[in-house]
Amino acid sequence: MKTLKFSDGLPEKILNGSKTATWRLNDEKDIVVGDHLSLCYTDSREFAKAITTFIKITTFGRMTDQDKEGHESSRSEEEMLKTFEKYYNVKVTPQTEVKIIKFKLL
């Protein structure tokens, strides 16, 4: 089973159903539709299981409103890019490739 870790505050949004998508850079796990996922806190404790329902690779600048559904919103595109720079410790621009992973809790 593939594992995805989530920062503080996000597990609660997943469990209450307001977050049904995650965006990842450098998906070394090669997550595909139909994969069973272990959703974990940053300390690796599992809080839920899920199955992937949708995968798309695009860039931050080419994301559509549909791509953003199920993901927490940012006040601005700049804030969104800065958040991902913090998570991944790399420069993130509108041209940066991102993998959209939508999932359903099991």
C-alpha atoms as a PDB file:
ATOM      1  CA  MET A   1       0.000   0.000   0.000  1.00  0.00           C
ATOM      2  CA  LYS A   2       1.320   3.446  -0.925  1.00  0.00           C
ATOM      3  CA  THR A   3       1.573   6.133   1.735  1.00  0.00           C
ATOM      4  CA  LEU A   4       0.834   9.850   1.597  1.00  0.00           C
ATOM      5  CA  LYS A   5       1.733  12.144   4.493  1.00  0.00           C
ATOM      6  CA  PHE A   6      -0.219  15.287   5.322  1.00  0.00           C
ATOM      7  CA  SER A   7       0.786  18.391   7.276  1.00  0.00           C
ATOM      8  CA  ASP A   8      -0.958  19.572  10.439  1.00  0.00           C
ATOM      9  CA  GLY A   9      -4.572  20.575   9.922  1.00  0.00           C
ATOM     10  CA  LEU A  10      -5.040  18.626   6.695  1.00  0.00           C
ATOM     11  CA  PRO A  11      -5.987  15.215   8.171  1.00  0.00           C
ATOM     12  CA  GLU A  12      -9.010  16.806   9.830  1.00  0.00           C
ATOM     13  CA  LYS A  13     -10.131  18.262   6.485  1.00  0.00           C
ATOM     14  CA  ILE A  14      -9.764  14.838   4.856  1.00  0.00           C
ATOM     15  CA  LEU A  15     -11.725  13.120   7.615  1.00  0.00           C
ATOM     16  CA  ASN A  16     -14.561  15.679   7.468  1.00  0.00           C
ATOM     17  CA  GLY A  17     -14.744  15.337   3.662  1.00  0.00           C
ATOM     18  CA  SER A  18     -13.704  18.881   2.732  1.00  0.00           C
ATOM     19  CA  LYS A  19     -10.339  17.733   1.289  1.00  0.00           C
ATOM     20  CA  THR A  20     -10.490  15.014  -1.376  1.00  0.00           C
ATOM     21  CA  ALA A  21      -7.399  15.906  -3.393  1.00  0.00           C
ATOM     22  CA  THR A  22      -3.701  16.447  -2.912  1.00  0.00           C
ATOM     23  CA  TRP A  23      -1.029  17.931  -5.167  1.00  0.00           C
ATOM     24  CA  ARG A  24       2.440  16.448  -5.238  1.00  0.00           C
ATOM     25  CA  LEU A  25       5.778  17.301  -6.823  1.00  0.00           C
ATOM     26  CA  ASN A  26       8.162  14.464  -7.714  1.00  0.00           C
ATOM     27  CA  ASP A  27       5.791  11.512  -7.226  1.00  0.00           C
ATOM     28  CA  GLU A  28       8.429   8.861  -6.566  1.00  0.00           C
ATOM     29  CA  LYS A  29       5.648   6.449  -5.545  1.00  0.00           C
ATOM     30  CA  ASP A  30       4.127   6.448  -9.064  1.00  0.00           C
ATOM     31  CA  ILE A  31       0.562   6.707  -7.758  1.00  0.00           C
ATOM     32  CA  VAL A  32      -2.085   5.680 -10.306  1.00  0.00           C
ATOM     33  CA  VAL A  33      -5.893   5.472 -10.378  1.00  0.00           C
ATOM     34  CA  GLY A  34      -7.072   2.536  -8.292  1.00  0.00           C
ATOM     35  CA  ASP A  35      -4.137   2.531  -5.877  1.00  0.00           C
ATOM     36  CA  HIS A  36      -4.996   1.902  -2.240  1.00  0.00           C
ATOM     37  CA  LEU A  37      -3.432   4.576  -0.057  1.00  0.00           C
ATOM     38  CA  SER A  38      -2.486   4.846   3.579  1.00  0.00           C
ATOM     39  CA  LEU A  39      -3.075   8.466   4.604  1.00  0.00           C
ATOM     40  CA  CYS A  40      -0.741   9.465   7.423  1.00  0.00           C
ATOM     41  CA  TYR A  41       0.208  12.271   9.751  1.00  0.00           C
ATOM     42  CA  THR A  42       3.735  13.647   9.256  1.00  0.00           C
ATOM     43  CA  ASP A  43       4.956  11.237  11.960  1.00  0.00           C
ATOM     44  CA  SER A  44       3.785   8.295   9.769  1.00  0.00           C
ATOM     45  CA  ARG A  45       0.770   7.329  11.944  1.00  0.00           C
ATOM     46  CA  GLU A  46      -2.107   6.307   9.679  1.00  0.00           C
ATOM     47  CA  PHE A  47      -5.375   8.213  10.068  1.00  0.00           C
ATOM     48  CA  ALA A  48      -7.323   6.789   7.100  1.00  0.00           C
ATOM     49  CA  LYS A  49      -7.270   4.553   4.055  1.00  0.00           C
ATOM     50  CA  ALA A  50      -8.313   5.752   0.603  1.00  0.00           C
ATOM     51  CA  ILE A  51      -8.379   4.799  -3.068  1.00  0.00           C
ATOM     52  CA  THR A  52      -7.244   7.070  -5.898  1.00  0.00           C
ATOM     53  CA  THR A  53     -10.044   8.092  -8.265  1.00  0.00           C
ATOM     54  CA  PHE A  54      -8.300  10.607 -10.557  1.00  0.00           C
ATOM     55  CA  ILE A  55      -4.734  11.454 -11.572  1.00  0.00           C
ATOM     56  CA  LYS A  56      -3.517  14.313 -13.741  1.00  0.00           C
ATOM     57  CA  ILE A  57      -0.078  15.765 -14.367  1.00  0.00           C
ATOM     58  CA  THR A  58      -0.030  19.447 -15.291  1.00  0.00           C
ATOM     59  CA  THR A  59       1.694  22.636 -14.187  1.00  0.00           C
ATOM     60  CA  PHE A  60       0.547  25.025 -11.478  1.00  0.00           C
ATOM     61  CA  GLY A  61      -0.115  27.640 -14.162  1.00  0.00           C
ATOM     62  CA  ARG A  62      -2.313  25.321 -16.247  1.00  0.00           C
ATOM     63  CA  MET A  63      -4.525  24.032 -13.449  1.00  0.00           C
ATOM     64  CA  THR A  64      -8.238  24.357 -14.096  1.00  0.00           C
ATOM     65  CA  ASP A  65     -10.978  25.022 -11.549  1.00  0.00           C
ATOM     66  CA  GLN A  66     -11.915  21.327 -11.843  1.00  0.00           C
ATOM     67  CA  ASP A  67      -8.305  20.353 -11.024  1.00  0.00           C
ATOM     68  CA  LYS A  68      -8.499  22.470  -7.859  1.00  0.00           C
ATOM     69  CA  GLU A  69     -11.765  20.922  -6.606  1.00  0.00           C
ATOM     70  CA  GLY A  70     -11.303  19.079  -3.328  1.00  0.00           C
ATOM     71  CA  HIS A  71      -8.052  20.872  -2.466  1.00  0.00           C
ATOM     72  CA  GLU A  72      -7.733  23.588   0.157  1.00  0.00           C
ATOM     73  CA  SER A  73      -7.662  27.036  -1.409  1.00  0.00           C
ATOM     74  CA  SER A  74      -5.032  29.750  -1.135  1.00  0.00           C
ATOM     75  CA  ARG A  75      -5.595  33.477  -0.989  1.00  0.00           C
ATOM     76  CA  SER A  76      -3.478  33.915  -4.126  1.00  0.00           C
ATOM     77  CA  GLU A  77      -1.420  31.965  -6.636  1.00  0.00           C
ATOM     78  CA  GLU A  78       1.720  33.430  -5.079  1.00  0.00           C
ATOM     79  CA  GLU A  79       0.727  32.107  -1.640  1.00  0.00           C
ATOM     80  CA  MET A  80       0.046  28.658  -3.146  1.00  0.00           C
ATOM     81  CA  LEU A  81       3.494  28.548  -4.792  1.00  0.00           C
ATOM     82  CA  LYS A  82       5.201  29.697  -1.569  1.00  0.00           C
ATOM     83  CA  THR A  83       3.416  26.932   0.364  1.00  0.00           C
ATOM     84  CA  PHE A  84       4.806  24.295  -1.992  1.00  0.00           C
ATOM     85  CA  GLU A  85       8.274  25.866  -1.845  1.00  0.00           C
ATOM     86  CA  LYS A  86       8.112  25.411   1.933  1.00  0.00           C
ATOM     87  CA  TYR A  87       6.935  21.782   1.654  1.00  0.00           C
ATOM     88  CA  TYR A  88       9.536  20.731  -0.940  1.00  0.00           C
ATOM     89  CA  ASN A  89      12.389  23.203  -0.328  1.00  0.00           C
ATOM     90  CA  VAL A  90      12.641  24.030  -4.050  1.00  0.00           C
ATOM     91  CA  LYS A  91      11.697  27.018  -6.202  1.00  0.00           C
ATOM     92  CA  VAL A  92       8.095  26.583  -7.420  1.00  0.00           C
ATOM     93  CA  THR A  93       6.759  28.620 -10.357  1.00  0.00           C
ATOM     94  CA  PRO A  94       3.642  28.497 -12.547  1.00  0.00           C
ATOM     95  CA  GLN A  95       5.704  26.254 -14.888  1.00  0.00           C
ATOM     96  CA  THR A  96       6.463  23.694 -12.160  1.00  0.00           C
ATOM     97  CA  GLU A  97       4.954  20.275 -12.863  1.00  0.00           C
ATOM     98  CA  VAL A  98       2.449  19.015 -10.298  1.00  0.00           C
ATOM     99  CA  LYS A  99       0.562  15.737  -9.950  1.00  0.00           C
ATOM    100  CA  ILE A 100      -3.082  16.068  -8.932  1.00  0.00           C
ATOM    101  CA  ILE A 101      -4.285  13.092  -6.932  1.00  0.00           C
ATOM    102  CA  LYS A 102      -7.981  12.816  -6.074  1.00  0.00           C
ATOM    103  CA  PHE A 103      -9.080  10.135  -3.660  1.00  0.00           C
ATOM    104  CA  LYS A 104     -12.037   8.644  -1.841  1.00  0.00           C
ATOM    105  CA  LEU A 105     -11.919   7.396   1.747  1.00  0.00           C
ATOM    106  CA  LEU A 106     -12.490   3.681   2.272  1.00  0.00           C
END
